[in-house]
PDB file of all heavy atoms in Angstrom:
ATOM      1  N   ASN A   1      36.434  -8.027  26.146  1.00  0.00           N
ATOM      2  CA  ASN A   1      36.294  -7.960  27.596  1.00  0.00           C
ATOM      3  C   ASN A   1      37.125  -9.037  28.282  1.00  0.00           C
ATOM      4  O   ASN A   1      37.807  -8.770  29.266  1.00  0.00           O
ATOM      5  CB  ASN A   1      34.825  -8.098  27.980  1.00  0.00           C
ATOM      6  CG  ASN A   1      34.607  -7.966  29.454  1.00  0.00           C
ATOM      7  OD1 ASN A   1      35.216  -7.134  30.099  1.00  0.00           O
ATOM      8  ND2 ASN A   1      33.752  -8.799  29.997  1.00  0.00           N
ATOM      9  N   GLY A   2      37.094 -10.233  27.773  1.00  0.00           N
ATOM     10  CA  GLY A   2      37.828 -11.327  28.397  1.00  0.00           C
ATOM     11  C   GLY A   2      39.333 -11.141  28.355  1.00  0.00           C
ATOM     12  O   GLY A   2      40.034 -11.434  29.319  1.00  0.00           O
ATOM     13  N   LEU A   3      39.819 -10.650  27.233  1.00  0.00           N
ATOM     14  CA  LEU A   3      41.270 -10.465  27.117  1.00  0.00           C
ATOM     15  C   LEU A   3      41.797  -9.389  28.051  1.00  0.00           C
ATOM     16  O   LEU A   3      42.819  -9.581  28.702  1.00  0.00           O
ATOM     17  CB  LEU A   3      41.641 -10.112  25.677  1.00  0.00           C
ATOM     18  CG  LEU A   3      41.722 -11.274  24.710  1.00  0.00           C
ATOM     19  CD1 LEU A   3      42.034 -10.773  23.317  1.00  0.00           C
ATOM     20  CD2 LEU A   3      42.751 -12.266  25.158  1.00  0.00           C
ATOM     21  N   THR A   4      41.099  -8.289  28.118  1.00  0.00           N
ATOM     22  CA  THR A   4      41.626  -7.214  28.949  1.00  0.00           C
ATOM     23  C   THR A   4      41.465  -7.501  30.434  1.00  0.00           C
ATOM     24  O   THR A   4      42.162  -6.895  31.243  1.00  0.00           O
ATOM     25  CB  THR A   4      40.960  -5.867  28.607  1.00  0.00           C
ATOM     26  OG1 THR A   4      39.551  -6.036  28.606  1.00  0.00           O
ATOM     27  CG2 THR A   4      41.432  -5.354  27.276  1.00  0.00           C
ATOM     28  N   ASN A   5      40.590  -8.430  30.797  1.00  0.00           N
ATOM     29  CA  ASN A   5      40.450  -8.783  32.212  1.00  0.00           C
ATOM     30  C   ASN A   5      41.730  -9.390  32.782  1.00  0.00           C
ATOM     31  O   ASN A   5      41.940  -9.366  33.980  1.00  0.00           O
ATOM     32  CB  ASN A   5      39.284  -9.744  32.427  1.00  0.00           C
ATOM     33  CG  ASN A   5      37.958  -9.033  32.425  1.00  0.00           C
ATOM     34  OD1 ASN A   5      37.889  -7.828  32.585  1.00  0.00           O
ATOM     35  ND2 ASN A   5      36.899  -9.791  32.228  1.00  0.00           N
ATOM     36  N   MET A   6      42.580  -9.943  31.923  1.00  0.00           N
ATOM     37  CA  MET A   6      43.804 -10.547  32.444  1.00  0.00           C
ATOM     38  C   MET A   6      44.974  -9.574  32.523  1.00  0.00           C
ATOM     39  O   MET A   6      46.035  -9.939  33.000  1.00  0.00           O
ATOM     40  CB  MET A   6      44.198 -11.770  31.607  1.00  0.00           C
ATOM     41  CG  MET A   6      44.674 -11.504  30.224  1.00  0.00           C
ATOM     42  SD  MET A   6      45.007 -13.072  29.418  1.00  0.00           S
ATOM     43  CE  MET A   6      46.051 -12.547  28.098  1.00  0.00           C
ATOM     44  N   ILE A   7      44.765  -8.317  32.105  1.00  0.00           N
ATOM     45  CA  ILE A   7      45.885  -7.376  32.124  1.00  0.00           C
ATOM     46  C   ILE A   7      45.515  -5.975  32.609  1.00  0.00           C
ATOM     47  O   ILE A   7      46.389  -5.209  33.000  1.00  0.00           O
ATOM     48  CB  ILE A   7      46.537  -7.300  30.722  1.00  0.00           C
ATOM     49  CG1 ILE A   7      47.942  -6.744  30.817  1.00  0.00           C
ATOM     50  CG2 ILE A   7      45.677  -6.526  29.748  1.00  0.00           C
ATOM     51  CD1 ILE A   7      48.757  -6.891  29.574  1.00  0.00           C
ATOM     52  N   THR A   8      44.247  -5.629  32.631  1.00  0.00           N
ATOM     53  CA  THR A   8      43.861  -4.250  32.945  1.00  0.00           C
ATOM     54  C   THR A   8      44.180  -3.870  34.395  1.00  0.00           C
ATOM     55  O   THR A   8      43.859  -4.607  35.322  1.00  0.00           O
ATOM     56  CB  THR A   8      42.372  -4.003  32.635  1.00  0.00           C
ATOM     57  OG1 THR A   8      42.075  -2.638  32.879  1.00  0.00           O
ATOM     58  CG2 THR A   8      41.469  -4.867  33.477  1.00  0.00           C
ATOM     59  N   PRO A   9      44.817  -2.733  34.591  1.00  0.00           N
ATOM     60  CA  PRO A   9      45.179  -2.326  35.949  1.00  0.00           C
ATOM     61  C   PRO A   9      44.001  -1.765  36.745  1.00  0.00           C
ATOM     62  O   PRO A   9      44.135  -1.482  37.925  1.00  0.00           O
ATOM     63  CB  PRO A   9      46.240  -1.248  35.728  1.00  0.00           C
ATOM     64  CG  PRO A   9      45.925  -0.682  34.395  1.00  0.00           C
ATOM     65  CD  PRO A   9      45.360  -1.831  33.584  1.00  0.00           C
ATOM     66  N   THR A  10      42.846  -1.590  36.124  1.00  0.00           N
ATOM     67  CA  THR A  10      41.679  -1.068  36.832  1.00  0.00           C
ATOM     68  C   THR A  10      40.747  -2.178  37.317  1.00  0.00           C
ATOM     69  O   THR A  10      39.696  -1.886  37.871  1.00  0.00           O
ATOM     70  CB  THR A  10      40.895  -0.097  35.924  1.00  0.00           C
ATOM     71  OG1 THR A  10      40.534  -0.772  34.718  1.00  0.00           O
ATOM     72  CG2 THR A  10      41.716   1.130  35.612  1.00  0.00           C
ATOM     73  N   SER A  11      41.114  -3.420  37.103  1.00  0.00           N
ATOM     74  CA  SER A  11      40.295  -4.547  37.540  1.00  0.00           C
ATOM     75  C   SER A  11      40.593  -4.867  38.997  1.00  0.00           C
ATOM     76  O   SER A  11      41.697  -5.294  39.347  1.00  0.00           O
ATOM     77  CB  SER A  11      40.580  -5.775  36.669  1.00  0.00           C
ATOM     78  OG  SER A  11      39.941  -6.918  37.208  1.00  0.00           O
ATOM     79  N   GLY A  12      39.600  -4.683  39.843  1.00  0.00           N
ATOM     80  CA  GLY A  12      39.780  -4.962  41.261  1.00  0.00           C
ATOM     81  C   GLY A  12      40.079  -6.422  41.532  1.00  0.00           C
ATOM     82  O   GLY A  12      40.882  -6.759  42.408  1.00  0.00           O
ATOM     83  N   THR A  13      39.445  -7.301  40.780  1.00  0.00           N
ATOM     84  CA  THR A  13      39.662  -8.736  40.971  1.00  0.00           C
ATOM     85  C   THR A  13      41.098  -9.114  40.639  1.00  0.00           C
ATOM     86  O   THR A  13      41.749  -9.834  41.402  1.00  0.00           O
ATOM     87  CB  THR A  13      38.683  -9.542  40.098  1.00  0.00           C
ATOM     88  OG1 THR A  13      37.354  -9.102  40.368  1.00  0.00           O
ATOM     89  CG2 THR A  13      38.800 -11.013  40.368  1.00  0.00           C
ATOM     90  N   LEU A  14      41.583  -8.643  39.495  1.00  0.00           N
ATOM     91  CA  LEU A  14      42.958  -8.955  39.110  1.00  0.00           C
ATOM     92  C   LEU A  14      43.950  -8.426  40.144  1.00  0.00           C
ATOM     93  O   LEU A  14      44.874  -9.136  40.546  1.00  0.00           O
ATOM     94  CB  LEU A  14      43.283  -8.378  37.727  1.00  0.00           C
ATOM     95  CG  LEU A  14      44.743  -8.518  37.279  1.00  0.00           C
ATOM     96  CD1 LEU A  14      45.111  -9.984  37.090  1.00  0.00           C
ATOM     97  CD2 LEU A  14      44.979  -7.732  36.007  1.00  0.00           C
ATOM     98  N   LEU A  15      43.733  -7.202  40.593  1.00  0.00           N
ATOM     99  CA  LEU A  15      44.651  -6.621  41.574  1.00  0.00           C
ATOM    100  C   LEU A  15      44.591  -7.362  42.909  1.00  0.00           C
ATOM    101  O   LEU A  15      45.617  -7.526  43.577  1.00  0.00           O
ATOM    102  CB  LEU A  15      44.348  -5.139  41.761  1.00  0.00           C
ATOM    103  CG  LEU A  15      44.617  -4.261  40.535  1.00  0.00           C
ATOM    104  CD1 LEU A  15      44.268  -2.809  40.825  1.00  0.00           C
ATOM    105  CD2 LEU A  15      46.047  -4.387  40.070  1.00  0.00           C
ATOM    106  N   ALA A  16      43.410  -7.846  43.281  1.00  0.00           N
ATOM    107  CA  ALA A  16      43.299  -8.634  44.519  1.00  0.00           C
ATOM    108  C   ALA A  16      44.053  -9.950  44.386  1.00  0.00           C
ATOM    109  O   ALA A  16      44.747 -10.377  45.311  1.00  0.00           O
ATOM    110  CB  ALA A  16      41.833  -8.890  44.844  1.00  0.00           C
ATOM    111  N   TYR A  17      43.917 -10.596  43.220  1.00  0.00           N
ATOM    112  CA  TYR A  17      44.647 -11.851  42.998  1.00  0.00           C
ATOM    113  C   TYR A  17      46.165 -11.620  43.029  1.00  0.00           C
ATOM    114  O   TYR A  17      46.908 -12.404  43.620  1.00  0.00           O
ATOM    115  CB  TYR A  17      44.262 -12.486  41.666  1.00  0.00           C
ATOM    116  CG  TYR A  17      42.862 -13.017  41.604  1.00  0.00           C
ATOM    117  CD1 TYR A  17      42.204 -13.119  40.389  1.00  0.00           C
ATOM    118  CD2 TYR A  17      42.176 -13.428  42.742  1.00  0.00           C
ATOM    119  CE1 TYR A  17      40.914 -13.623  40.315  1.00  0.00           C
ATOM    120  CE2 TYR A  17      40.895 -13.924  42.675  1.00  0.00           C
ATOM    121  CZ  TYR A  17      40.265 -14.015  41.463  1.00  0.00           C
ATOM    122  OH  TYR A  17      38.992 -14.506  41.394  1.00  0.00           O
ATOM    123  N   LEU A  18      46.596 -10.551  42.381  1.00  0.00           N
ATOM    124  CA  LEU A  18      48.031 -10.254  42.353  1.00  0.00           C
ATOM    125  C   LEU A  18      48.543  -9.889  43.743  1.00  0.00           C
ATOM    126  O   LEU A  18      49.658 -10.274  44.116  1.00  0.00           O
ATOM    127  CB  LEU A  18      48.319  -9.134  41.356  1.00  0.00           C
ATOM    128  CG  LEU A  18      48.099  -9.472  39.881  1.00  0.00           C
ATOM    129  CD1 LEU A  18      48.331  -8.246  39.012  1.00  0.00           C
ATOM    130  CD2 LEU A  18      48.962 -10.620  39.444  1.00  0.00           C
ATOM    131  N   ALA A  19      47.746  -9.167  44.515  1.00  0.00           N
ATOM    132  CA  ALA A  19      48.166  -8.812  45.870  1.00  0.00           C
ATOM    133  C   ALA A  19      48.257 -10.052  46.750  1.00  0.00           C
ATOM    134  O   ALA A  19      49.184 -10.184  47.559  1.00  0.00           O
ATOM    135  CB  ALA A  19      47.192  -7.806  46.479  1.00  0.00           C
ATOM    136  N   THR A  20      47.318 -10.969  46.576  1.00  0.00           N
ATOM    137  CA  THR A  20      47.341 -12.204  47.356  1.00  0.00           C
ATOM    138  C   THR A  20      48.588 -13.025  47.031  1.00  0.00           C
ATOM    139  O   THR A  20      49.206 -13.625  47.912  1.00  0.00           O
ATOM    140  CB  THR A  20      46.077 -13.035  47.078  1.00  0.00           C
ATOM    141  OG1 THR A  20      44.932 -12.245  47.413  1.00  0.00           O
ATOM    142  CG2 THR A  20      46.065 -14.313  47.891  1.00  0.00           C
ATOM    143  N   ALA A  21      48.959 -13.038  45.764  1.00  0.00           N
ATOM    144  CA  ALA A  21      50.138 -13.792  45.333  1.00  0.00           C
ATOM    145  C   ALA A  21      51.437 -12.999  45.514  1.00  0.00           C
ATOM    146  O   ALA A  21      52.509 -13.513  45.210  1.00  0.00           O
ATOM    147  CB  ALA A  21      49.986 -14.203  43.871  1.00  0.00           C
ATOM    148  N   LYS A  22      51.304 -11.751  45.957  1.00  0.00           N
ATOM    149  CA  LYS A  22      52.468 -10.860  46.157  1.00  0.00           C
ATOM    150  C   LYS A  22      53.262 -10.662  44.862  1.00  0.00           C
ATOM    151  O   LYS A  22      54.480 -10.763  44.830  1.00  0.00           O
ATOM    152  CB  LYS A  22      53.367 -11.385  47.266  1.00  0.00           C
ATOM    153  CG  LYS A  22      52.694 -11.391  48.613  1.00  0.00           C
ATOM    154  CD  LYS A  22      53.630 -11.844  49.706  1.00  0.00           C
ATOM    155  CE  LYS A  22      52.957 -11.694  51.032  1.00  0.00           C
ATOM    156  NZ  LYS A  22      52.425 -12.886  51.609  1.00  0.00           N
ATOM    157  N   ILE A  23      52.502 -10.389  43.804  1.00  0.00           N
ATOM    158  CA  ILE A  23      53.097 -10.135  42.489  1.00  0.00           C
ATOM    159  C   ILE A  23      52.793  -8.692  42.101  1.00  0.00           C
ATOM    160  O   ILE A  23      51.642  -8.250  42.159  1.00  0.00           O
ATOM    161  CB  ILE A  23      52.532 -11.099  41.421  1.00  0.00           C
ATOM    162  CG1 ILE A  23      52.879 -12.538  41.781  1.00  0.00           C
ATOM    163  CG2 ILE A  23      53.052 -10.745  40.035  1.00  0.00           C
ATOM    164  CD1 ILE A  23      52.224 -13.567  40.893  1.00  0.00           C
ATOM    165  N   ASN A  24      53.788  -7.963  41.707  1.00  0.00           N
ATOM    166  CA  ASN A  24      53.649  -6.595  41.234  1.00  0.00           C
ATOM    167  C   ASN A  24      52.915  -6.602  39.895  1.00  0.00           C
ATOM    168  O   ASN A  24      53.154  -7.452  39.040  1.00  0.00           O
ATOM    169  CB  ASN A  24      55.045  -5.977  41.086  1.00  0.00           C
ATOM    170  CG  ASN A  24      54.998  -4.523  40.744  1.00  0.00           C
ATOM    171  OD1 ASN A  24      53.965  -3.971  40.398  1.00  0.00           O
ATOM    172  ND2 ASN A  24      56.151  -3.890  40.849  1.00  0.00           N
ATOM    173  N   TRP A  25      52.025  -5.599  39.684  1.00  0.00           N
ATOM    174  CA  TRP A  25      51.269  -5.562  38.429  1.00  0.00           C
ATOM    175  C   TRP A  25      52.199  -5.404  37.228  1.00  0.00           C
ATOM    176  O   TRP A  25      51.968  -6.001  36.176  1.00  0.00           O
ATOM    177  CB  TRP A  25      50.241  -4.425  38.439  1.00  0.00           C
ATOM    178  CG  TRP A  25      49.459  -4.410  37.163  1.00  0.00           C
ATOM    179  CD1 TRP A  25      48.365  -5.161  36.867  1.00  0.00           C
ATOM    180  CD2 TRP A  25      49.754  -3.649  35.986  1.00  0.00           C
ATOM    181  NE1 TRP A  25      47.952  -4.910  35.576  1.00  0.00           N
ATOM    182  CE2 TRP A  25      48.787  -3.983  35.014  1.00  0.00           C
ATOM    183  CE3 TRP A  25      50.742  -2.719  35.661  1.00  0.00           C
ATOM    184  CZ2 TRP A  25      48.775  -3.417  33.759  1.00  0.00           C
ATOM    185  CZ3 TRP A  25      50.721  -2.170  34.396  1.00  0.00           C
ATOM    186  CH2 TRP A  25      49.744  -2.510  33.457  1.00  0.00           C
ATOM    187  N   PHE A  26      53.260  -4.621  37.356  1.00  0.00           N
ATOM    188  CA  PHE A  26      54.180  -4.424  36.235  1.00  0.00           C
ATOM    189  C   PHE A  26      54.881  -5.730  35.867  1.00  0.00           C
ATOM    190  O   PHE A  26      55.070  -6.023  34.687  1.00  0.00           O
ATOM    191  CB  PHE A  26      55.205  -3.331  36.561  1.00  0.00           C
ATOM    192  CG  PHE A  26      54.589  -1.973  36.651  1.00  0.00           C
ATOM    193  CD1 PHE A  26      54.397  -1.362  37.879  1.00  0.00           C
ATOM    194  CD2 PHE A  26      54.169  -1.313  35.507  1.00  0.00           C
ATOM    195  CE1 PHE A  26      53.812  -0.118  37.969  1.00  0.00           C
ATOM    196  CE2 PHE A  26      53.583  -0.061  35.577  1.00  0.00           C
ATOM    197  CZ  PHE A  26      53.396   0.533  36.815  1.00  0.00           C
ATOM    198  N   ASP A  27      55.244  -6.523  36.867  1.00  0.00           N
ATOM    199  CA  ASP A  27      55.841  -7.832  36.583  1.00  0.00           C
ATOM    200  C   ASP A  27      54.831  -8.744  35.895  1.00  0.00           C
ATOM    201  O   ASP A  27      55.168  -9.473  34.962  1.00  0.00           O
ATOM    202  CB  ASP A  27      56.343  -8.493  37.874  1.00  0.00           C
ATOM    203  CG  ASP A  27      57.485  -7.724  38.502  1.00  0.00           C
ATOM    204  OD1 ASP A  27      58.191  -6.998  37.769  1.00  0.00           O
ATOM    205  OD2 ASP A  27      57.664  -7.849  39.737  1.00  0.00           O
ATOM    206  N   TRP A  28      53.592  -8.696  36.362  1.00  0.00           N
ATOM    207  CA  TRP A  28      52.535  -9.515  35.758  1.00  0.00           C
ATOM    208  C   TRP A  28      52.290  -9.089  34.312  1.00  0.00           C
ATOM    209  O   TRP A  28      52.173  -9.938  33.423  1.00  0.00           O
ATOM    210  CB  TRP A  28      51.246  -9.392  36.565  1.00  0.00           C
ATOM    211  CG  TRP A  28      50.066 -10.009  35.889  1.00  0.00           C
ATOM    212  CD1 TRP A  28      49.032  -9.361  35.288  1.00  0.00           C
ATOM    213  CD2 TRP A  28      49.808 -11.410  35.719  1.00  0.00           C
ATOM    214  NE1 TRP A  28      48.152 -10.265  34.765  1.00  0.00           N
ATOM    215  CE2 TRP A  28      48.602 -11.528  35.019  1.00  0.00           C
ATOM    216  CE3 TRP A  28      50.485 -12.562  36.095  1.00  0.00           C
ATOM    217  CZ2 TRP A  28      48.057 -12.761  34.685  1.00  0.00           C
ATOM    218  CZ3 TRP A  28      49.929 -13.785  35.758  1.00  0.00           C
ATOM    219  CH2 TRP A  28      48.733 -13.871  35.071  1.00  0.00           C
ATOM    220  N   ALA A  29      52.213  -7.787  34.077  1.00  0.00           N
ATOM    221  CA  ALA A  29      51.952  -7.298  32.725  1.00  0.00           C
ATOM    222  C   ALA A  29      53.078  -7.692  31.773  1.00  0.00           C
ATOM    223  O   ALA A  29      52.828  -8.099  30.637  1.00  0.00           O
ATOM    224  CB  ALA A  29      51.777  -5.776  32.742  1.00  0.00           C
ATOM    225  N   LYS A  30      54.307  -7.594  32.250  1.00  0.00           N
ATOM    226  CA  LYS A  30      55.450  -7.988  31.420  1.00  0.00           C
ATOM    227  C   LYS A  30      55.399  -9.483  31.105  1.00  0.00           C
ATOM    228  O   LYS A  30      55.724  -9.907  30.004  1.00  0.00           O
ATOM    229  CB  LYS A  30      56.747  -7.640  32.148  1.00  0.00           C
ATOM    230  CG  LYS A  30      57.960  -7.626  31.278  1.00  0.00           C
ATOM    231  CD  LYS A  30      59.208  -7.067  31.949  1.00  0.00           C
ATOM    232  CE  LYS A  30      59.184  -7.058  33.450  1.00  0.00           C
ATOM    233  NZ  LYS A  30      60.453  -6.659  34.051  1.00  0.00           N
ATOM    234  N   PHE A  31      54.976 -10.274  32.063  1.00  0.00           N
ATOM    235  CA  PHE A  31      54.890 -11.722  31.885  1.00  0.00           C
ATOM    236  C   PHE A  31      53.755 -12.123  30.948  1.00  0.00           C
ATOM    237  O   PHE A  31      53.915 -12.985  30.084  1.00  0.00           O
ATOM    238  CB  PHE A  31      54.692 -12.390  33.260  1.00  0.00           C
ATOM    239  CG  PHE A  31      54.392 -13.854  33.191  1.00  0.00           C
ATOM    240  CD1 PHE A  31      55.405 -14.767  32.933  1.00  0.00           C
ATOM    241  CD2 PHE A  31      53.107 -14.320  33.385  1.00  0.00           C
ATOM    242  CE1 PHE A  31      55.132 -16.122  32.875  1.00  0.00           C
ATOM    243  CE2 PHE A  31      52.825 -15.670  33.330  1.00  0.00           C
ATOM    244  CZ  PHE A  31      53.831 -16.578  33.066  1.00  0.00           C
ATOM    245  N   VAL A  32      52.583 -11.502  31.088  1.00  0.00           N
ATOM    246  CA  VAL A  32      51.394 -11.953  30.371  1.00  0.00           C
ATOM    247  C   VAL A  32      51.204 -11.255  29.023  1.00  0.00           C
ATOM    248  O   VAL A  32      50.424 -11.715  28.195  1.00  0.00           O
ATOM    249  CB  VAL A  32      50.142 -11.791  31.276  1.00  0.00           C
ATOM    250  CG1 VAL A  32      49.620 -10.377  31.260  1.00  0.00           C
ATOM    251  CG2 VAL A  32      49.060 -12.765  30.890  1.00  0.00           C
ATOM    252  N   PHE A  33      51.935 -10.163  28.756  1.00  0.00           N
ATOM    253  CA  PHE A  33      51.724  -9.411  27.513  1.00  0.00           C
ATOM    254  C   PHE A  33      51.940 -10.239  26.243  1.00  0.00           C
ATOM    255  O   PHE A  33      51.134 -10.133  25.312  1.00  0.00           O
ATOM    256  CB  PHE A  33      52.582  -8.144  27.486  1.00  0.00           C
ATOM    257  CG  PHE A  33      52.243  -7.240  26.346  1.00  0.00           C
ATOM    258  CD1 PHE A  33      51.067  -6.509  26.354  1.00  0.00           C
ATOM    259  CD2 PHE A  33      53.072  -7.134  25.238  1.00  0.00           C
ATOM    260  CE1 PHE A  33      50.722  -5.692  25.298  1.00  0.00           C
ATOM    261  CE2 PHE A  33      52.750  -6.316  24.174  1.00  0.00           C
ATOM    262  CZ  PHE A  33      51.568  -5.598  24.209  1.00  0.00           C
ATOM    263  N   PRO A  34      52.976 -11.078  26.146  1.00  0.00           N
ATOM    264  CA  PRO A  34      53.099 -11.894  24.927  1.00  0.00           C
ATOM    265  C   PRO A  34      51.895 -12.822  24.710  1.00  0.00           C
ATOM    266  O   PRO A  34      51.419 -12.972  23.584  1.00  0.00           O
ATOM    267  CB  PRO A  34      54.379 -12.702  25.147  1.00  0.00           C
ATOM    268  CG  PRO A  34      55.166 -11.899  26.117  1.00  0.00           C
ATOM    269  CD  PRO A  34      54.164 -11.238  27.005  1.00  0.00           C
ATOM    270  N   LEU A  35      51.375 -13.396  25.778  1.00  0.00           N
ATOM    271  CA  LEU A  35      50.188 -14.232  25.674  1.00  0.00           C
ATOM    272  C   LEU A  35      48.968 -13.401  25.266  1.00  0.00           C
ATOM    273  O   LEU A  35      48.144 -13.839  24.461  1.00  0.00           O
ATOM    274  CB  LEU A  35      49.926 -14.937  27.001  1.00  0.00           C
ATOM    275  CG  LEU A  35      48.774 -15.926  27.036  1.00  0.00           C
ATOM    276  CD1 LEU A  35      49.024 -17.074  26.066  1.00  0.00           C
ATOM    277  CD2 LEU A  35      48.579 -16.449  28.448  1.00  0.00           C
ATOM    278  N   PHE A  36      48.883 -12.187  25.795  1.00  0.00           N
ATOM    279  CA  PHE A  36      47.805 -11.267  25.437  1.00  0.00           C
ATOM    280  C   PHE A  36      47.812 -10.975  23.939  1.00  0.00           C
ATOM    281  O   PHE A  36      46.770 -10.986  23.285  1.00  0.00           O
ATOM    282  CB  PHE A  36      47.951  -9.971  26.241  1.00  0.00           C
ATOM    283  CG  PHE A  36      46.932  -8.924  25.927  1.00  0.00           C
ATOM    284  CD1 PHE A  36      45.682  -8.960  26.504  1.00  0.00           C
ATOM    285  CD2 PHE A  36      47.229  -7.895  25.050  1.00  0.00           C
ATOM    286  CE1 PHE A  36      44.738  -7.994  26.218  1.00  0.00           C
ATOM    287  CE2 PHE A  36      46.304  -6.928  24.758  1.00  0.00           C
ATOM    288  CZ  PHE A  36      45.048  -6.975  25.344  1.00  0.00           C
ATOM    289  N   VAL A  37      48.993 -10.733  23.382  1.00  0.00           N
ATOM    290  CA  VAL A  37      49.122 -10.440  21.944  1.00  0.00           C
ATOM    291  C   VAL A  37      48.714 -11.664  21.112  1.00  0.00           C
ATOM    292  O   VAL A  37      48.010 -11.532  20.105  1.00  0.00           O
ATOM    293  CB  VAL A  37      50.551  -9.975  21.609  1.00  0.00           C
ATOM    294  CG1 VAL A  37      50.771  -9.877  20.116  1.00  0.00           C
ATOM    295  CG2 VAL A  37      50.848  -8.651  22.286  1.00  0.00           C
ATOM    296  N   ILE A  38      49.127 -12.850  21.541  1.00  0.00           N
ATOM    297  CA  ILE A  38      48.754 -14.078  20.829  1.00  0.00           C
ATOM    298  C   ILE A  38      47.245 -14.266  20.865  1.00  0.00           C
ATOM    299  O   ILE A  38      46.610 -14.551  19.835  1.00  0.00           O
ATOM    300  CB  ILE A  38      49.485 -15.298  21.424  1.00  0.00           C
ATOM    301  CG1 ILE A  38      50.974 -15.217  21.130  1.00  0.00           C
ATOM    302  CG2 ILE A  38      48.899 -16.601  20.893  1.00  0.00           C
ATOM    303  CD1 ILE A  38      51.817 -16.218  21.906  1.00  0.00           C
ATOM    304  N   PHE A  39      46.644 -14.094  22.044  1.00  0.00           N
ATOM    305  CA  PHE A  39      45.194 -14.254  22.163  1.00  0.00           C
ATOM    306  C   PHE A  39      44.445 -13.205  21.350  1.00  0.00           C
ATOM    307  O   PHE A  39      43.404 -13.493  20.758  1.00  0.00           O
ATOM    308  CB  PHE A  39      44.768 -14.181  23.625  1.00  0.00           C
ATOM    309  CG  PHE A  39      45.042 -15.422  24.418  1.00  0.00           C
ATOM    310  CD1 PHE A  39      44.997 -15.398  25.795  1.00  0.00           C
ATOM    311  CD2 PHE A  39      45.345 -16.629  23.798  1.00  0.00           C
ATOM    312  CE1 PHE A  39      45.242 -16.538  26.544  1.00  0.00           C
ATOM    313  CE2 PHE A  39      45.601 -17.768  24.532  1.00  0.00           C
ATOM    314  CZ  PHE A  39      45.540 -17.722  25.903  1.00  0.00           C
ATOM    315  N   ALA A  40      44.953 -11.979  21.299  1.00  0.00           N
ATOM    316  CA  ALA A  40      44.311 -10.936  20.502  1.00  0.00           C
ATOM    317  C   ALA A  40      44.363 -11.290  19.017  1.00  0.00           C
ATOM    318  O   ALA A  40      43.385 -11.108  18.288  1.00  0.00           O
ATOM    319  CB  ALA A  40      44.973  -9.587  20.755  1.00  0.00           C
ATOM    320  N   GLY A  41      45.491 -11.801  18.566  1.00  0.00           N
ATOM    321  CA  GLY A  41      45.593 -12.244  17.171  1.00  0.00           C
ATOM    322  C   GLY A  41      44.627 -13.378  16.866  1.00  0.00           C
ATOM    323  O   GLY A  41      43.968 -13.386  15.815  1.00  0.00           O
ATOM    324  N   LEU A  42      44.520 -14.336  17.772  1.00  0.00           N
ATOM    325  CA  LEU A  42      43.566 -15.433  17.589  1.00  0.00           C
ATOM    326  C   LEU A  42      42.132 -14.926  17.587  1.00  0.00           C
ATOM    327  O   LEU A  42      41.296 -15.411  16.819  1.00  0.00           O
ATOM    328  CB  LEU A  42      43.757 -16.485  18.682  1.00  0.00           C
ATOM    329  CG  LEU A  42      45.003 -17.340  18.589  1.00  0.00           C
ATOM    330  CD1 LEU A  42      45.150 -18.208  19.838  1.00  0.00           C
ATOM    331  CD2 LEU A  42      44.969 -18.201  17.336  1.00  0.00           C
ATOM    332  N   ALA A  43      41.838 -13.953  18.433  1.00  0.00           N
ATOM    333  CA  ALA A  43      40.486 -13.391  18.462  1.00  0.00           C
ATOM    334  C   ALA A  43      40.153 -12.711  17.138  1.00  0.00           C
ATOM    335  O   ALA A  43      39.034 -12.857  16.619  1.00  0.00           O
ATOM    336  CB  ALA A  43      40.357 -12.401  19.616  1.00  0.00           C
TER     337      ALA A  43
END
């Protein structure tokens, strides 16, 4: 649950944060995906 909260496109909170920062979700996903993979491996 914690890992997908930082990348899932259905999370209203994440989308609100990205909209406030004026960051496109696709740009965010491309940026955070390597970290997501590392965290998944650690998990």
